[in-house]
C-alpha atoms as a PDB file:
ATOM      1  CA  UNK A   1     -69.171 -61.038 -52.234  1.00  0.00           C
ATOM      2  CA  UNK A   2     -71.981 -59.587 -49.913  1.00  0.00           C
ATOM      3  CA  UNK A   3     -69.745 -59.638 -46.768  1.00  0.00           C
ATOM      4  CA  UNK A   4     -66.965 -57.551 -49.000  1.00  0.00           C
ATOM      5  CA  UNK A   5     -69.846 -55.039 -50.016  1.00  0.00           C
ATOM      6  CA  UNK A   6     -70.978 -54.592 -46.638  1.00  0.00           C
ATOM      7  CA  UNK A   7     -67.188 -54.163 -45.406  1.00  0.00           C
ATOM      8  CA  UNK A   8     -66.608 -51.275 -48.032  1.00  0.00           C
ATOM      9  CA  UNK A   9     -69.777 -49.653 -47.192  1.00  0.00           C
ATOM     10  CA  UNK A  10     -69.059 -49.729 -43.490  1.00  0.00           C
ATOM     11  CA  UNK A  11     -65.651 -48.277 -44.094  1.00  0.00           C
ATOM     12  CA  UNK A  12     -67.106 -45.620 -46.187  1.00  0.00           C
ATOM     13  CA  UNK A  13     -69.466 -44.526 -43.688  1.00  0.00           C
ATOM     14  CA  UNK A  14     -66.687 -44.395 -40.986  1.00  0.00           C
ATOM     15  CA  UNK A  15     -64.499 -42.334 -43.081  1.00  0.00           C
ATOM     16  CA  UNK A  16     -67.162 -40.051 -43.760  1.00  0.00           C
ATOM     17  CA  UNK A  17     -68.302 -39.615 -40.170  1.00  0.00           C
ATOM     18  CA  UNK A  18     -64.642 -39.185 -39.112  1.00  0.00           C
ATOM     19  CA  UNK A  19     -64.432 -36.346 -41.925  1.00  0.00           C
ATOM     20  CA  UNK A  20     -67.537 -34.843 -40.677  1.00  0.00           C
ATOM     21  CA  UNK A  21     -66.393 -34.832 -37.121  1.00  0.00           C
ATOM     22  CA  UNK A  22     -62.966 -33.286 -37.823  1.00  0.00           C
ATOM     23  CA  UNK A  23     -65.005 -30.378 -39.861  1.00  0.00           C
ATOM     24  CA  UNK A  24     -67.344 -29.815 -36.970  1.00  0.00           C
ATOM     25  CA  UNK A  25     -64.697 -29.869 -34.496  1.00  0.00           C
ATOM     26  CA  UNK A  26     -62.043 -27.804 -36.413  1.00  0.00           C
ATOM     27  CA  UNK A  27     -61.891 -24.305 -35.190  1.00  0.00           C
ATOM     28  CA  UNK A  28     -61.769 -21.454 -37.843  1.00  0.00           C
ATOM     29  CA  UNK A  29     -58.301 -19.908 -38.533  1.00  0.00           C
ATOM     30  CA  UNK A  30     -57.576 -16.315 -38.454  1.00  0.00           C
ATOM     31  CA  UNK A  31     -58.314 -14.721 -41.937  1.00  0.00           C
ATOM     32  CA  UNK A  32     -56.462 -11.418 -41.825  1.00  0.00           C
ATOM     33  CA  UNK A  33     -53.522 -11.533 -39.619  1.00  0.00           C
ATOM     34  CA  UNK A  34     -50.154 -13.048 -40.063  1.00  0.00           C
ATOM     35  CA  UNK A  35     -50.692 -15.981 -37.679  1.00  0.00           C
ATOM     36  CA  UNK A  36     -47.865 -18.099 -36.163  1.00  0.00           C
ATOM     37  CA  UNK A  37     -48.922 -21.651 -35.447  1.00  0.00           C
ATOM     38  CA  UNK A  38     -45.628 -22.042 -33.800  1.00  0.00           C
ATOM     39  CA  UNK A  39     -45.248 -18.850 -31.373  1.00  0.00           C
ATOM     40  CA  UNK A  40     -42.148 -17.024 -31.464  1.00  0.00           C
ATOM     41  CA  UNK A  41     -40.221 -16.191 -28.293  1.00  0.00           C
ATOM     42  CA  UNK A  42     -39.315 -12.953 -27.112  1.00  0.00           C
ATOM     43  CA  UNK A  43     -35.718 -12.237 -26.021  1.00  0.00           C
ATOM     44  CA  UNK A  44     -35.329 -10.748 -22.464  1.00  0.00           C
ATOM     45  CA  UNK A  45     -35.762  -7.013 -22.328  1.00  0.00           C
ATOM     46  CA  UNK A  46     -36.200  -4.364 -19.562  1.00  0.00           C
ATOM     47  CA  UNK A  47     -37.963  -0.972 -20.325  1.00  0.00           C
ATOM     48  CA  UNK A  48     -40.029   1.576 -18.104  1.00  0.00           C
ATOM     49  CA  UNK A  49     -43.708   2.241 -18.149  1.00  0.00           C
ATOM     50  CA  UNK A  50     -45.507   5.538 -17.846  1.00  0.00           C
ATOM     51  CA  UNK A  51     -46.015   4.981 -14.072  1.00  0.00           C
ATOM     52  CA  UNK A  52     -42.098   4.776 -13.805  1.00  0.00           C
ATOM     53  CA  UNK A  53     -42.561   0.969 -13.026  1.00  0.00           C
ATOM     54  CA  UNK A  54     -40.135  -1.749 -14.478  1.00  0.00           C
ATOM     55  CA  UNK A  55     -41.796  -3.465 -17.631  1.00  0.00           C
ATOM     56  CA  UNK A  56     -40.022  -6.462 -18.952  1.00  0.00           C
ATOM     57  CA  UNK A  57     -41.129  -9.961 -20.354  1.00  0.00           C
ATOM     58  CA  UNK A  58     -42.876 -10.671 -17.116  1.00  0.00           C
ATOM     59  CA  UNK A  59     -45.480  -8.118 -17.808  1.00  0.00           C
ATOM     60  CA  UNK A  60     -46.839 -10.047 -20.640  1.00  0.00           C
ATOM     61  CA  UNK A  61     -47.328 -13.505 -18.810  1.00  0.00           C
ATOM     62  CA  UNK A  62     -50.995 -14.256 -18.247  1.00  0.00           C
ATOM     63  CA  UNK A  63     -51.994 -11.529 -20.579  1.00  0.00           C
ATOM     64  CA  UNK A  64     -53.019 -10.973 -24.426  1.00  0.00           C
ATOM     65  CA  UNK A  65     -51.146  -8.024 -25.372  1.00  0.00           C
ATOM     66  CA  UNK A  66     -51.300  -5.728 -28.364  1.00  0.00           C
ATOM     67  CA  UNK A  67     -48.105  -4.090 -29.057  1.00  0.00           C
ATOM     68  CA  UNK A  68     -47.885  -0.938 -30.945  1.00  0.00           C
ATOM     69  CA  UNK A  69     -44.907   1.260 -32.006  1.00  0.00           C
ATOM     70  CA  UNK A  70     -45.430   5.014 -31.742  1.00  0.00           C
ATOM     71  CA  UNK A  71     -44.367   8.342 -30.264  1.00  0.00           C
ATOM     72  CA  UNK A  72     -46.327  11.287 -28.616  1.00  0.00           C
ATOM     73  CA  UNK A  73     -45.342  13.823 -31.222  1.00  0.00           C
ATOM     74  CA  UNK A  74     -46.516  11.661 -34.038  1.00  0.00           C
ATOM     75  CA  UNK A  75     -49.133  13.799 -36.053  1.00  0.00           C
ATOM     76  CA  UNK A  76     -51.285  11.220 -37.480  1.00  0.00           C
ATOM     77  CA  UNK A  77     -50.792   7.525 -37.339  1.00  0.00           C
ATOM     78  CA  UNK A  78     -50.242   6.941 -33.603  1.00  0.00           C
ATOM     79  CA  UNK A  79     -53.290   9.152 -32.228  1.00  0.00           C
ATOM     80  CA  UNK A  80     -55.626   7.651 -34.884  1.00  0.00           C
ATOM     81  CA  UNK A  81     -54.425   4.190 -34.292  1.00  0.00           C
ATOM     82  CA  UNK A  82     -54.676   4.574 -30.337  1.00  0.00           C
ATOM     83  CA  UNK A  83     -58.089   6.064 -30.712  1.00  0.00           C
ATOM     84  CA  UNK A  84     -59.148   3.048 -33.050  1.00  0.00           C
ATOM     85  CA  UNK A  85     -58.001   0.774 -30.492  1.00  0.00           C
ATOM     86  CA  UNK A  86     -60.083   2.433 -27.661  1.00  0.00           C
ATOM     87  CA  UNK A  87     -63.074   2.027 -29.871  1.00  0.00           C
ATOM     88  CA  UNK A  88     -62.761  -1.726 -30.044  1.00  0.00           C
ATOM     89  CA  UNK A  89     -61.052  -2.322 -26.547  1.00  0.00           C
ATOM     90  CA  UNK A  90     -64.528  -3.371 -24.871  1.00  0.00           C
ATOM     91  CA  UNK A  91     -64.705  -5.897 -27.663  1.00  0.00           C
ATOM     92  CA  UNK A  92     -61.342  -7.179 -27.385  1.00  0.00           C
ATOM     93  CA  UNK A  93     -61.995  -7.512 -23.401  1.00  0.00           C
ATOM     94  CA  UNK A  94     -65.232  -9.366 -23.983  1.00  0.00           C
ATOM     95  CA  UNK A  95     -63.276 -11.878 -26.024  1.00  0.00           C
ATOM     96  CA  UNK A  96     -60.411 -12.128 -23.332  1.00  0.00           C
ATOM     97  CA  UNK A  97     -60.781 -10.180 -20.229  1.00  0.00           C
ATOM     98  CA  UNK A  98     -57.013 -10.397 -19.676  1.00  0.00           C
ATOM     99  CA  UNK A  99     -56.076  -8.113 -22.471  1.00  0.00           C
ATOM    100  CA  UNK A 100     -53.789  -5.028 -22.605  1.00  0.00           C
ATOM    101  CA  UNK A 101     -52.561  -2.301 -25.130  1.00  0.00           C
ATOM    102  CA  UNK A 102     -49.010  -1.455 -24.910  1.00  0.00           C
ATOM    103  CA  UNK A 103     -47.732   1.672 -26.932  1.00  0.00           C
ATOM    104  CA  UNK A 104     -44.099   1.207 -27.210  1.00  0.00           C
ATOM    105  CA  UNK A 105     -42.241   4.545 -27.718  1.00  0.00           C
ATOM    106  CA  UNK A 106     -39.682   4.981 -30.562  1.00  0.00           C
ATOM    107  CA  UNK A 107     -38.755   8.574 -29.368  1.00  0.00           C
ATOM    108  CA  UNK A 108     -36.884   7.947 -26.110  1.00  0.00           C
ATOM    109  CA  UNK A 109     -35.244  11.618 -25.994  1.00  0.00           C
ATOM    110  CA  UNK A 110     -38.491  13.502 -25.941  1.00  0.00           C
ATOM    111  CA  UNK A 111     -41.068  10.715 -24.577  1.00  0.00           C
ATOM    112  CA  UNK A 112     -40.217  10.892 -20.832  1.00  0.00           C
ATOM    113  CA  UNK A 113     -42.167   8.941 -18.366  1.00  0.00           C
ATOM    114  CA  UNK A 114     -44.008  12.086 -17.443  1.00  0.00           C
ATOM    115  CA  UNK A 115     -44.943  13.049 -21.317  1.00  0.00           C
ATOM    116  CA  UNK A 116     -46.117   9.279 -21.893  1.00  0.00           C
ATOM    117  CA  UNK A 117     -48.245   9.275 -18.701  1.00  0.00           C
ATOM    118  CA  UNK A 118     -50.202  12.564 -19.853  1.00  0.00           C
ATOM    119  CA  UNK A 119     -50.427  11.244 -23.429  1.00  0.00           C
ATOM    120  CA  UNK A 120     -51.558   7.468 -22.945  1.00  0.00           C
ATOM    121  CA  UNK A 121     -54.380   8.257 -20.462  1.00  0.00           C
ATOM    122  CA  UNK A 122     -55.990  10.579 -23.116  1.00  0.00           C
ATOM    123  CA  UNK A 123     -56.898   7.549 -24.870  1.00  0.00           C
ATOM    124  CA  UNK A 124     -57.580   5.038 -22.326  1.00  0.00           C
ATOM    125  CA  UNK A 125     -56.534   4.942 -18.621  1.00  0.00           C
ATOM    126  CA  UNK A 126     -55.844   1.085 -18.837  1.00  0.00           C
ATOM    127  CA  UNK A 127     -53.564   1.531 -21.810  1.00  0.00           C
ATOM    128  CA  UNK A 128     -49.905   1.155 -20.979  1.00  0.00           C
ATOM    129  CA  UNK A 129     -46.986   3.144 -22.661  1.00  0.00           C
ATOM    130  CA  UNK A 130     -43.455   1.893 -22.267  1.00  0.00           C
ATOM    131  CA  UNK A 131     -39.939   3.274 -23.243  1.00  0.00           C
ATOM    132  CA  UNK A 132     -36.273   2.577 -22.995  1.00  0.00           C
ATOM    133  CA  UNK A 133     -33.182   3.829 -24.915  1.00  0.00           C
ATOM    134  CA  UNK A 134     -32.114   2.635 -28.421  1.00  0.00           C
ATOM    135  CA  UNK A 135     -29.915   0.109 -27.157  1.00  0.00           C
ATOM    136  CA  UNK A 136     -33.065  -1.675 -26.086  1.00  0.00           C
ATOM    137  CA  UNK A 137     -35.542  -0.673 -28.575  1.00  0.00           C
ATOM    138  CA  UNK A 138     -33.347  -1.749 -31.541  1.00  0.00           C
ATOM    139  CA  UNK A 139     -33.174  -5.217 -30.698  1.00  0.00           C
ATOM    140  CA  UNK A 140     -36.825  -5.433 -29.358  1.00  0.00           C
ATOM    141  CA  UNK A 141     -38.145  -4.204 -32.842  1.00  0.00           C
ATOM    142  CA  UNK A 142     -36.127  -6.640 -34.452  1.00  0.00           C
ATOM    143  CA  UNK A 143     -37.345  -9.517 -32.493  1.00  0.00           C
ATOM    144  CA  UNK A 144     -40.853  -8.368 -33.004  1.00  0.00           C
ATOM    145  CA  UNK A 145     -40.421  -8.009 -36.839  1.00  0.00           C
ATOM    146  CA  UNK A 146     -41.104  -4.272 -36.649  1.00  0.00           C
ATOM    147  CA  UNK A 147     -38.953  -1.137 -37.418  1.00  0.00           C
ATOM    148  CA  UNK A 148     -38.470   2.658 -36.619  1.00  0.00           C
ATOM    149  CA  UNK A 149     -35.896   5.171 -37.695  1.00  0.00           C
ATOM    150  CA  UNK A 150     -35.472   8.767 -36.816  1.00  0.00           C
ATOM    151  CA  UNK A 151     -35.401  11.176 -39.589  1.00  0.00           C
ATOM    152  CA  UNK A 152     -32.074  13.218 -39.517  1.00  0.00           C
ATOM    153  CA  UNK A 153     -31.360  12.120 -36.129  1.00  0.00           C
ATOM    154  CA  UNK A 154     -32.179  14.094 -32.976  1.00  0.00           C
ATOM    155  CA  UNK A 155     -30.180  17.237 -33.956  1.00  0.00           C
ATOM    156  CA  UNK A 156     -32.847  19.068 -35.876  1.00  0.00           C
ATOM    157  CA  UNK A 157     -33.618  22.637 -34.998  1.00  0.00           C
ATOM    158  CA  UNK A 158     -35.452  23.225 -31.740  1.00  0.00           C
ATOM    159  CA  UNK A 159     -35.809  19.541 -31.347  1.00  0.00           C
ATOM    160  CA  UNK A 160     -38.174  19.267 -34.255  1.00  0.00           C
ATOM    161  CA  UNK A 161     -37.921  15.783 -35.987  1.00  0.00           C
ATOM    162  CA  UNK A 162     -40.090  13.103 -37.038  1.00  0.00           C
ATOM    163  CA  UNK A 163     -39.729   9.215 -36.550  1.00  0.00           C
ATOM    164  CA  UNK A 164     -40.619   6.510 -39.153  1.00  0.00           C
ATOM    165  CA  UNK A 165     -41.987   3.494 -37.688  1.00  0.00           C
ATOM    166  CA  UNK A 166     -44.310   0.269 -38.481  1.00  0.00           C
ATOM    167  CA  UNK A 167     -47.862   0.816 -38.226  1.00  0.00           C
ATOM    168  CA  UNK A 168     -48.536  -3.035 -37.829  1.00  0.00           C
ATOM    169  CA  UNK A 169     -49.753  -4.317 -34.270  1.00  0.00           C
ATOM    170  CA  UNK A 170     -48.303  -7.501 -32.750  1.00  0.00           C
ATOM    171  CA  UNK A 171     -50.413  -9.774 -30.661  1.00  0.00           C
ATOM    172  CA  UNK A 172     -48.241 -11.411 -27.936  1.00  0.00           C
ATOM    173  CA  UNK A 173     -50.009 -14.636 -26.099  1.00  0.00           C
ATOM    174  CA  UNK A 174     -50.317 -15.215 -22.303  1.00  0.00           C
ATOM    175  CA  UNK A 175     -47.162 -17.099 -22.640  1.00  0.00           C
ATOM    176  CA  UNK A 176     -45.477 -14.076 -23.664  1.00  0.00           C
ATOM    177  CA  UNK A 177     -44.890 -15.241 -27.160  1.00  0.00           C
ATOM    178  CA  UNK A 178     -45.466 -13.484 -30.547  1.00  0.00           C
ATOM    179  CA  UNK A 179     -48.626 -15.433 -31.963  1.00  0.00           C
ATOM    180  CA  UNK A 180     -49.620 -12.790 -34.734  1.00  0.00           C
ATOM    181  CA  UNK A 181     -48.897  -9.659 -36.372  1.00  0.00           C
ATOM    182  CA  UNK A 182     -51.695  -7.480 -37.927  1.00  0.00           C
ATOM    183  CA  UNK A 183     -50.615  -5.208 -40.785  1.00  0.00           C
ATOM    184  CA  UNK A 184     -52.463  -1.782 -41.582  1.00  0.00           C
ATOM    185  CA  UNK A 185     -54.470  -1.189 -44.906  1.00  0.00           C
ATOM    186  CA  UNK A 186     -52.532   0.902 -47.144  1.00  0.00           C
ATOM    187  CA  UNK A 187     -54.537   3.073 -49.672  1.00  0.00           C
ATOM    188  CA  UNK A 188     -53.134   5.893 -51.720  1.00  0.00           C
ATOM    189  CA  UNK A 189     -53.962   9.392 -49.779  1.00  0.00           C
ATOM    190  CA  UNK A 190     -55.037   7.598 -46.745  1.00  0.00           C
ATOM    191  CA  UNK A 191     -53.567   6.860 -43.351  1.00  0.00           C
ATOM    192  CA  UNK A 192     -52.173   3.093 -42.982  1.00  0.00           C
ATOM    193  CA  UNK A 193     -54.568   1.839 -40.084  1.00  0.00           C
ATOM    194  CA  UNK A 194     -55.594  -1.597 -39.027  1.00  0.00           C
ATOM    195  CA  UNK A 195     -59.388  -2.560 -39.797  1.00  0.00           C
ATOM    196  CA  UNK A 196     -60.787  -2.998 -36.195  1.00  0.00           C
ATOM    197  CA  UNK A 197     -63.748  -5.313 -37.185  1.00  0.00           C
ATOM    198  CA  UNK A 198     -61.274  -7.670 -38.717  1.00  0.00           C
ATOM    199  CA  UNK A 199     -59.010  -7.384 -35.937  1.00  0.00           C
ATOM    200  CA  UNK A 200     -61.764  -8.185 -33.443  1.00  0.00           C
ATOM    201  CA  UNK A 201     -62.699 -11.179 -35.607  1.00  0.00           C
ATOM    202  CA  UNK A 202     -59.356 -12.838 -35.858  1.00  0.00           C
ATOM    203  CA  UNK A 203     -58.447 -12.197 -32.277  1.00  0.00           C
ATOM    204  CA  UNK A 204     -61.511 -14.355 -31.250  1.00  0.00           C
ATOM    205  CA  UNK A 205     -60.327 -17.044 -33.965  1.00  0.00           C
ATOM    206  CA  UNK A 206     -56.799 -16.788 -32.008  1.00  0.00           C
ATOM    207  CA  UNK A 207     -58.060 -17.029 -28.557  1.00  0.00           C
ATOM    208  CA  UNK A 208     -60.474 -20.070 -29.347  1.00  0.00           C
ATOM    209  CA  UNK A 209     -57.215 -21.931 -30.896  1.00  0.00           C
ATOM    210  CA  UNK A 210     -55.010 -20.815 -28.009  1.00  0.00           C
ATOM    211  CA  UNK A 211     -57.115 -21.010 -24.839  1.00  0.00           C
ATOM    212  CA  UNK A 212     -55.432 -19.171 -22.014  1.00  0.00           C
END
């Protein structure tokens, strides 16, 4: 009977130790992002960056990439988001030095390479802006789980029109796969923006879970 008791106590102690070990070694999960434990592939695509260079899946390899949809004529969300990203950029780089921010233009008619070059450097000289025709943009947007739509087409008087687009940001891992989506805060009367503090916090957790 004594041996049986000792065995039970030993097993209980071993189980408790294993549970404590797992808890101590378990890395915290992201709290605010839509995190994909099974990263999603990005279909092949080809665009052009603001320096006139080719930008494809290869430019995601070896880097943590923050993807944001926008356009240079955007009156509010785009410049606000890019400014916010600039504010926390050093924090993101401190977590993973191989970090890049990429603006995907959803207004290919007006956003020429030259226009994107002048626009993106205003926020941060390290940021990248890319463009392509709608035949490339539409499938790329669907692949990332984002959307955009040009209001009333491109036939408005004097070329004045707006573009509706997702305000979320997509995080791509160094293997070139979608690993998380950060959705903006939605509040009545306020611009939809992603909380920078929460973004940095979750990014640290994601990098810890997926070391490059």
